[in-house]
Amino acid sequence: MLARHIMNTSVVTAAPNMTIHEAARLLVVNRISGMPVVDAIGRIIGIICHSDLLHRVENGTSHGKRQWWRELLWSSSRGQAARYVKEHGRFVSDVMCDEVISIPEDMPLAQIADLMERRHLKLVPVLRHGKLVGIVSRSNLIWTLISVVATTDSASRDDASLRDAIAREMHGQHWGLPKQCVLVKEGVAHLWGVIESEEEERAIQIAAEGVAGVKRVEYHLEFPSVIPAL
């Protein structure tokens, strides 16, 4: 299996002159941990992730001023300036990582997993002839594992039909989970995903538990790290 088989082709991107507030809203609304930053001609010039917005002066999460001797001991002038820009900068270009690691669409999954582990990457842009065509995140790799287990496991046809029924019940709903986040084994449904509210969690529960034939539902749902409005 290659990058093009698992990548997300509907890529949410940011512009370098986008405000931090606008970027944070895009991450939260689209339930993503990061996104490429592209210039006016569509060239990737950076990546912005949740980690780039963890310490901000607006919501009181900045590091604050240290005692002068600690600053001398732990930070160079350049490091202090970079940290200040990260915490106070107004635009995406101020906080993004400009060292972009990308992959070709024909890279095998094993190589992608190795690259992401070795370089501590949460996502990698996929390029075709130098142009952005998709993005692969850690979630894509995990969902692939779930899908492989679901299709290669010796589960009965009933499990497959239950999986289809659960996915069908949530299809088209803004809060619905995609099929690759649903696994059914011996009548027990396992659901993975990121949710934004308790109401979404309850809607997913009702959808899954309401499918006739499902014995039990195991939930592996989590809330995203929400960035407060600036």
C-alpha atoms as a PDB file:
ATOM      1  CA  MET A   1       0.000   0.000   0.000  1.00  0.00           C
ATOM      2  CA  LEU A   2       1.291   3.460  -0.947  1.00  0.00           C
ATOM      3  CA  ALA A   3       0.823   7.037   0.242  1.00  0.00           C
ATOM      4  CA  ARG A   4      -1.761   7.762  -2.447  1.00  0.00           C
ATOM      5  CA  HIS A   5      -3.939   4.912  -1.143  1.00  0.00           C
ATOM      6  CA  ILE A   6      -4.351   6.370   2.344  1.00  0.00           C
ATOM      7  CA  MET A   7      -3.763  10.119   1.999  1.00  0.00           C
ATOM      8  CA  ASN A   8      -6.436  12.735   2.561  1.00  0.00           C
ATOM      9  CA  THR A   9      -6.988  14.503  -0.750  1.00  0.00           C
ATOM     10  CA  SER A  10      -9.179  17.269   0.688  1.00  0.00           C
ATOM     11  CA  VAL A  11      -6.348  19.173   2.306  1.00  0.00           C
ATOM     12  CA  VAL A  12      -7.019  22.138   4.570  1.00  0.00           C
ATOM     13  CA  THR A  13      -4.274  24.722   4.107  1.00  0.00           C
ATOM     14  CA  ALA A  14      -3.273  28.001   5.709  1.00  0.00           C
ATOM     15  CA  ALA A  15      -1.773  31.129   4.185  1.00  0.00           C
ATOM     16  CA  PRO A  16       1.286  32.789   5.731  1.00  0.00           C
ATOM     17  CA  ASN A  17      -0.614  36.052   6.236  1.00  0.00           C
ATOM     18  CA  MET A  18      -3.534  34.311   7.978  1.00  0.00           C
ATOM     19  CA  THR A  19      -3.977  35.378  11.601  1.00  0.00           C
ATOM     20  CA  ILE A  20      -3.292  32.995  14.466  1.00  0.00           C
ATOM     21  CA  HIS A  21      -6.982  33.161  15.393  1.00  0.00           C
ATOM     22  CA  GLU A  22      -8.082  32.143  11.892  1.00  0.00           C
ATOM     23  CA  ALA A  23      -5.591  29.256  11.818  1.00  0.00           C
ATOM     24  CA  ALA A  24      -6.659  28.006  15.248  1.00  0.00           C
ATOM     25  CA  ARG A  25     -10.301  28.032  14.165  1.00  0.00           C
ATOM     26  CA  LEU A  26      -9.467  26.041  11.015  1.00  0.00           C
ATOM     27  CA  LEU A  27      -7.685  23.377  13.060  1.00  0.00           C
ATOM     28  CA  VAL A  28     -10.549  23.017  15.509  1.00  0.00           C
ATOM     29  CA  VAL A  29     -13.440  23.168  13.030  1.00  0.00           C
ATOM     30  CA  ASN A  30     -11.812  20.623  10.727  1.00  0.00           C
ATOM     31  CA  ARG A  31     -10.649  18.389  13.600  1.00  0.00           C
ATOM     32  CA  ILE A  32      -7.062  18.268  12.421  1.00  0.00           C
ATOM     33  CA  SER A  33      -3.790  18.505  14.318  1.00  0.00           C
ATOM     34  CA  GLY A  34      -1.944  20.454  11.644  1.00  0.00           C
ATOM     35  CA  MET A  35      -1.997  21.803   8.096  1.00  0.00           C
ATOM     36  CA  PRO A  36       0.412  22.910   5.360  1.00  0.00           C
ATOM     37  CA  VAL A  37       1.060  26.587   4.803  1.00  0.00           C
ATOM     38  CA  VAL A  38       1.070  27.545   1.115  1.00  0.00           C
ATOM     39  CA  ASP A  39       2.006  30.751  -0.651  1.00  0.00           C
ATOM     40  CA  ALA A  40       0.102  32.583  -3.393  1.00  0.00           C
ATOM     41  CA  ILE A  41       1.237  30.147  -6.105  1.00  0.00           C
ATOM     42  CA  GLY A  42       0.401  27.039  -4.077  1.00  0.00           C
ATOM     43  CA  ARG A  43       3.944  26.211  -2.994  1.00  0.00           C
ATOM     44  CA  ILE A  44       4.338  24.675   0.481  1.00  0.00           C
ATOM     45  CA  ILE A  45       6.425  26.969   2.676  1.00  0.00           C
ATOM     46  CA  GLY A  46       5.646  25.608   6.134  1.00  0.00           C
ATOM     47  CA  ILE A  47       3.527  23.532   8.503  1.00  0.00           C
ATOM     48  CA  ILE A  48       1.432  24.776  11.428  1.00  0.00           C
ATOM     49  CA  CYS A  49       0.304  22.369  14.164  1.00  0.00           C
ATOM     50  CA  HIS A  50      -1.365  22.430  17.578  1.00  0.00           C
ATOM     51  CA  SER A  51       2.086  22.442  19.169  1.00  0.00           C
ATOM     52  CA  ASP A  52       2.862  25.774  17.506  1.00  0.00           C
ATOM     53  CA  LEU A  53      -0.075  27.352  19.361  1.00  0.00           C
ATOM     54  CA  LEU A  54       0.367  25.801  22.801  1.00  0.00           C
ATOM     55  CA  HIS A  55       2.041  28.813  24.402  1.00  0.00           C
ATOM     56  CA  ARG A  56       0.268  32.084  23.667  1.00  0.00           C
ATOM     57  CA  VAL A  57       0.179  35.330  25.603  1.00  0.00           C
ATOM     58  CA  GLU A  58      -3.553  35.875  24.906  1.00  0.00           C
ATOM     59  CA  ASN A  59      -4.770  32.936  26.999  1.00  0.00           C
ATOM     60  CA  GLY A  60      -2.068  33.035  29.648  1.00  0.00           C
ATOM     61  CA  THR A  61      -0.109  30.009  28.445  1.00  0.00           C
ATOM     62  CA  SER A  62       3.076  31.861  27.543  1.00  0.00           C
ATOM     63  CA  HIS A  63       6.224  30.977  29.446  1.00  0.00           C
ATOM     64  CA  GLY A  64       6.372  34.431  30.993  1.00  0.00           C
ATOM     65  CA  LYS A  65       9.495  36.191  32.137  1.00  0.00           C
ATOM     66  CA  ARG A  66      12.119  34.154  33.943  1.00  0.00           C
ATOM     67  CA  GLN A  67      14.629  35.453  36.431  1.00  0.00           C
ATOM     68  CA  TRP A  68      17.516  37.061  34.582  1.00  0.00           C
ATOM     69  CA  TRP A  69      20.039  34.441  35.643  1.00  0.00           C
ATOM     70  CA  ARG A  70      17.774  31.644  34.386  1.00  0.00           C
ATOM     71  CA  GLU A  71      17.475  33.399  31.031  1.00  0.00           C
ATOM     72  CA  LEU A  72      21.244  33.606  30.769  1.00  0.00           C
ATOM     73  CA  LEU A  73      21.630  29.981  31.795  1.00  0.00           C
ATOM     74  CA  TRP A  74      18.908  28.408  29.644  1.00  0.00           C
ATOM     75  CA  SER A  75      18.413  30.642  26.593  1.00  0.00           C
ATOM     76  CA  SER A  76      20.473  32.480  24.046  1.00  0.00           C
ATOM     77  CA  SER A  77      19.363  35.901  22.802  1.00  0.00           C
ATOM     78  CA  ARG A  78      18.259  34.249  19.561  1.00  0.00           C
ATOM     79  CA  GLY A  79      16.255  31.608  21.444  1.00  0.00           C
ATOM     80  CA  GLN A  80      14.547  34.211  23.606  1.00  0.00           C
ATOM     81  CA  ALA A  81      13.585  36.231  20.535  1.00  0.00           C
ATOM     82  CA  ALA A  82      12.209  33.147  18.744  1.00  0.00           C
ATOM     83  CA  ARG A  83      10.146  32.214  21.789  1.00  0.00           C
ATOM     84  CA  TYR A  84       8.745  35.751  22.028  1.00  0.00           C
ATOM     85  CA  VAL A  85       7.708  35.650  18.361  1.00  0.00           C
ATOM     86  CA  LYS A  86       5.997  32.265  18.887  1.00  0.00           C
ATOM     87  CA  GLU A  87       4.035  33.589  21.856  1.00  0.00           C
ATOM     88  CA  HIS A  88       3.190  37.076  20.548  1.00  0.00           C
ATOM     89  CA  GLY A  89       3.242  36.835  16.737  1.00  0.00           C
ATOM     90  CA  ARG A  90      -0.034  37.672  14.995  1.00  0.00           C
ATOM     91  CA  PHE A  91       0.340  35.670  11.795  1.00  0.00           C
ATOM     92  CA  VAL A  92       0.876  32.081  10.722  1.00  0.00           C
ATOM     93  CA  SER A  93       4.266  32.994   9.265  1.00  0.00           C
ATOM     94  CA  ASP A  94       5.397  33.931  12.790  1.00  0.00           C
ATOM     95  CA  VAL A  95       4.734  30.534  14.372  1.00  0.00           C
ATOM     96  CA  MET A  96       4.845  27.949  11.566  1.00  0.00           C
ATOM     97  CA  CYS A  97       7.667  25.452  11.122  1.00  0.00           C
ATOM     98  CA  ASP A  98       9.399  26.321   7.862  1.00  0.00           C
ATOM     99  CA  GLU A  99      11.338  23.048   7.623  1.00  0.00           C
ATOM    100  CA  VAL A 100       8.894  21.015   5.541  1.00  0.00           C
ATOM    101  CA  ILE A 101       9.393  17.292   5.052  1.00  0.00           C
ATOM    102  CA  SER A 102       7.241  15.962   2.204  1.00  0.00           C
ATOM    103  CA  ILE A 103       6.830  12.580   0.523  1.00  0.00           C
ATOM    104  CA  PRO A 104       5.988  11.342  -3.002  1.00  0.00           C
ATOM    105  CA  GLU A 105       2.630   9.697  -3.603  1.00  0.00           C
ATOM    106  CA  ASP A 106       4.258   6.330  -4.356  1.00  0.00           C
ATOM    107  CA  MET A 107       6.096   5.997  -1.038  1.00  0.00           C
ATOM    108  CA  PRO A 108       5.241   2.672   0.723  1.00  0.00           C
ATOM    109  CA  LEU A 109       3.517   2.776   4.124  1.00  0.00           C
ATOM    110  CA  ALA A 110       6.463   1.150   5.897  1.00  0.00           C
ATOM    111  CA  GLN A 111       8.742   3.975   4.793  1.00  0.00           C
ATOM    112  CA  ILE A 112       6.172   6.594   5.782  1.00  0.00           C
ATOM    113  CA  ALA A 113       5.790   5.115   9.265  1.00  0.00           C
ATOM    114  CA  ASP A 114       9.565   4.951   9.676  1.00  0.00           C
ATOM    115  CA  LEU A 115       9.978   8.566   8.547  1.00  0.00           C
ATOM    116  CA  MET A 116       7.248   9.861  10.859  1.00  0.00           C
ATOM    117  CA  GLU A 117       8.655   7.977  13.823  1.00  0.00           C
ATOM    118  CA  ARG A 118      12.271   8.963  13.148  1.00  0.00           C
ATOM    119  CA  ARG A 119      11.507  12.662  12.575  1.00  0.00           C
ATOM    120  CA  HIS A 120       8.685  12.864  15.151  1.00  0.00           C
ATOM    121  CA  LEU A 121       6.184  14.012  12.521  1.00  0.00           C
ATOM    122  CA  LYS A 122       2.426  14.180  13.030  1.00  0.00           C
ATOM    123  CA  LEU A 123       1.685  14.724   9.347  1.00  0.00           C
ATOM    124  CA  VAL A 124       3.486  14.848   6.017  1.00  0.00           C
ATOM    125  CA  PRO A 125       2.379  16.560   2.779  1.00  0.00           C
ATOM    126  CA  VAL A 126       2.198  14.359  -0.326  1.00  0.00           C
ATOM    127  CA  LEU A 127       3.539  15.854  -3.543  1.00  0.00           C
ATOM    128  CA  ARG A 128       3.099  14.992  -7.220  1.00  0.00           C
ATOM    129  CA  HIS A 129       5.532  16.757  -9.523  1.00  0.00           C
ATOM    130  CA  GLY A 130       6.163  19.263  -6.765  1.00  0.00           C
ATOM    131  CA  LYS A 131       2.475  20.060  -6.216  1.00  0.00           C
ATOM    132  CA  LEU A 132       0.440  19.292  -3.108  1.00  0.00           C
ATOM    133  CA  VAL A 133      -2.058  16.463  -3.762  1.00  0.00           C
ATOM    134  CA  GLY A 134      -2.721  15.128  -0.277  1.00  0.00           C
ATOM    135  CA  ILE A 135      -1.582  14.721   3.276  1.00  0.00           C
ATOM    136  CA  VAL A 136      -0.822  11.689   5.442  1.00  0.00           C
ATOM    137  CA  SER A 137      -1.245  11.897   9.218  1.00  0.00           C
ATOM    138  CA  ARG A 138      -0.640   9.406  11.974  1.00  0.00           C
ATOM    139  CA  SER A 139      -4.393   8.866  12.085  1.00  0.00           C
ATOM    140  CA  ASN A 140      -4.333   7.701   8.460  1.00  0.00           C
ATOM    141  CA  LEU A 141      -1.837   4.992   9.386  1.00  0.00           C
ATOM    142  CA  ILE A 142      -3.899   3.901  12.397  1.00  0.00           C
ATOM    143  CA  TRP A 143      -7.127   3.837  10.368  1.00  0.00           C
ATOM    144  CA  THR A 144      -5.368   1.720   7.775  1.00  0.00           C
ATOM    145  CA  LEU A 145      -4.477  -0.779  10.480  1.00  0.00           C
ATOM    146  CA  ILE A 146      -8.102  -0.888  11.586  1.00  0.00           C
ATOM    147  CA  SER A 147      -9.312  -1.388   8.016  1.00  0.00           C
ATOM    148  CA  VAL A 148      -6.802  -4.166   7.386  1.00  0.00           C
ATOM    149  CA  VAL A 149      -7.843  -5.932  10.568  1.00  0.00           C
ATOM    150  CA  ALA A 150     -11.487  -5.560   9.620  1.00  0.00           C
ATOM    151  CA  THR A 151     -11.024  -7.016   6.137  1.00  0.00           C
ATOM    152  CA  THR A 152      -8.506  -9.751   6.910  1.00  0.00           C
ATOM    153  CA  ASP A 153      -9.858 -10.928  10.231  1.00  0.00           C
ATOM    154  CA  SER A 154     -11.847 -14.143  10.307  1.00  0.00           C
ATOM    155  CA  ALA A 155     -14.936 -12.327  11.499  1.00  0.00           C
ATOM    156  CA  SER A 156     -18.254 -13.424  10.112  1.00  0.00           C
ATOM    157  CA  ARG A 157     -20.181 -11.730   7.354  1.00  0.00           C
ATOM    158  CA  ASP A 158     -22.545 -10.514  10.052  1.00  0.00           C
ATOM    159  CA  ASP A 159     -19.737  -8.394  11.512  1.00  0.00           C
ATOM    160  CA  ALA A 160     -19.092  -6.839   8.118  1.00  0.00           C
ATOM    161  CA  SER A 161     -22.770  -6.037   7.655  1.00  0.00           C
ATOM    162  CA  LEU A 162     -22.969  -4.537  11.142  1.00  0.00           C
ATOM    163  CA  ARG A 163     -19.966  -2.340  10.365  1.00  0.00           C
ATOM    164  CA  ASP A 164     -21.662  -1.188   7.167  1.00  0.00           C
ATOM    165  CA  ALA A 165     -24.897  -0.493   9.036  1.00  0.00           C
ATOM    166  CA  ILE A 166     -23.182   1.627  11.701  1.00  0.00           C
ATOM    167  CA  ALA A 167     -21.273   3.613   9.085  1.00  0.00           C
ATOM    168  CA  ARG A 168     -24.459   4.051   7.055  1.00  0.00           C
ATOM    169  CA  GLU A 169     -26.338   5.380  10.105  1.00  0.00           C
ATOM    170  CA  MET A 170     -23.732   8.115  10.622  1.00  0.00           C
ATOM    171  CA  HIS A 171     -23.090   8.855   6.952  1.00  0.00           C
ATOM    172  CA  GLY A 172     -23.739  12.457   5.966  1.00  0.00           C
ATOM    173  CA  GLN A 173     -23.836  13.695   9.553  1.00  0.00           C
ATOM    174  CA  HIS A 174     -21.344  16.398  10.500  1.00  0.00           C
ATOM    175  CA  TRP A 175     -20.613  14.504  13.728  1.00  0.00           C
ATOM    176  CA  GLY A 176     -20.541  11.089  12.064  1.00  0.00           C
ATOM    177  CA  LEU A 177     -17.448   8.883  12.070  1.00  0.00           C
ATOM    178  CA  PRO A 178     -16.093   7.532   8.756  1.00  0.00           C
ATOM    179  CA  LYS A 179     -16.250   3.793   8.097  1.00  0.00           C
ATOM    180  CA  GLN A 180     -12.533   3.337   8.698  1.00  0.00           C
ATOM    181  CA  CYS A 181     -13.103   4.376  12.325  1.00  0.00           C
ATOM    182  CA  VAL A 182     -15.541   1.501  12.863  1.00  0.00           C
ATOM    183  CA  LEU A 183     -14.519  -2.096  13.592  1.00  0.00           C
ATOM    184  CA  VAL A 184     -16.905  -4.903  14.500  1.00  0.00           C
ATOM    185  CA  LYS A 185     -15.661  -8.222  15.840  1.00  0.00           C
ATOM    186  CA  GLU A 186     -17.967 -10.973  17.057  1.00  0.00           C
ATOM    187  CA  GLY A 187     -20.803  -8.493  17.317  1.00  0.00           C
ATOM    188  CA  VAL A 188     -18.856  -5.977  19.411  1.00  0.00           C
ATOM    189  CA  ALA A 189     -18.375  -2.584  17.764  1.00  0.00           C
ATOM    190  CA  HIS A 190     -15.230  -0.534  18.387  1.00  0.00           C
ATOM    191  CA  LEU A 191     -15.335   3.152  17.505  1.00  0.00           C
ATOM    192  CA  TRP A 192     -12.336   5.497  17.219  1.00  0.00           C
ATOM    193  CA  GLY A 193     -12.427   9.227  16.547  1.00  0.00           C
ATOM    194  CA  VAL A 194     -12.135  12.839  17.655  1.00  0.00           C
ATOM    195  CA  ILE A 195     -15.257  14.578  18.958  1.00  0.00           C
ATOM    196  CA  GLU A 196     -15.958  18.187  19.874  1.00  0.00           C
ATOM    197  CA  SER A 197     -18.795  17.895  22.387  1.00  0.00           C
ATOM    198  CA  GLU A 198     -20.691  15.573  24.697  1.00  0.00           C
ATOM    199  CA  GLU A 199     -23.664  15.934  22.347  1.00  0.00           C
ATOM    200  CA  GLU A 200     -21.618  14.493  19.477  1.00  0.00           C
ATOM    201  CA  GLU A 201     -20.461  11.664  21.723  1.00  0.00           C
ATOM    202  CA  ARG A 202     -24.062  10.851  22.652  1.00  0.00           C
ATOM    203  CA  ALA A 203     -25.227  11.010  19.012  1.00  0.00           C
ATOM    204  CA  ILE A 204     -22.502   8.518  18.030  1.00  0.00           C
ATOM    205  CA  GLN A 205     -23.510   6.247  20.903  1.00  0.00           C
ATOM    206  CA  ILE A 206     -27.156   6.283  19.890  1.00  0.00           C
ATOM    207  CA  ALA A 207     -26.301   5.631  16.242  1.00  0.00           C
ATOM    208  CA  ALA A 208     -24.096   2.629  17.050  1.00  0.00           C
ATOM    209  CA  GLU A 209     -26.178   1.114  19.809  1.00  0.00           C
ATOM    210  CA  GLY A 210     -29.341   1.471  17.737  1.00  0.00           C
ATOM    211  CA  VAL A 211     -28.128  -0.937  15.042  1.00  0.00           C
ATOM    212  CA  ALA A 212     -29.871  -4.263  15.462  1.00  0.00           C
ATOM    213  CA  GLY A 213     -27.440  -7.098  16.110  1.00  0.00           C
ATOM    214  CA  VAL A 214     -24.740  -5.082  17.870  1.00  0.00           C
ATOM    215  CA  LYS A 215     -24.010  -6.811  21.183  1.00  0.00           C
ATOM    216  CA  ARG A 216     -21.911  -4.092  22.735  1.00  0.00           C
ATOM    217  CA  VAL A 217     -20.093  -0.905  21.768  1.00  0.00           C
ATOM    218  CA  GLU A 218     -16.593  -0.009  22.920  1.00  0.00           C
ATOM    219  CA  TYR A 219     -15.765   3.692  22.584  1.00  0.00           C
ATOM    220  CA  HIS A 220     -12.278   5.054  21.955  1.00  0.00           C
ATOM    221  CA  LEU A 221     -13.323   8.673  21.437  1.00  0.00           C
ATOM    222  CA  GLU A 222     -11.325  11.719  22.492  1.00  0.00           C
ATOM    223  CA  PHE A 223     -11.674  15.464  22.542  1.00  0.00           C
ATOM    224  CA  PRO A 224      -9.213  17.652  20.573  1.00  0.00           C
ATOM    225  CA  SER A 225      -6.930  20.192  22.197  1.00  0.00           C
ATOM    226  CA  VAL A 226      -9.094  23.267  21.635  1.00  0.00           C
ATOM    227  CA  ILE A 227      -7.270  26.558  21.126  1.00  0.00           C
ATOM    228  CA  PRO A 228      -9.248  29.418  22.780  1.00  0.00           C
ATOM    229  CA  ALA A 229     -10.327  32.313  20.557  1.00  0.00           C
ATOM    230  CA  LEU A 230      -7.674  34.994  20.548  1.00  0.00           C
END
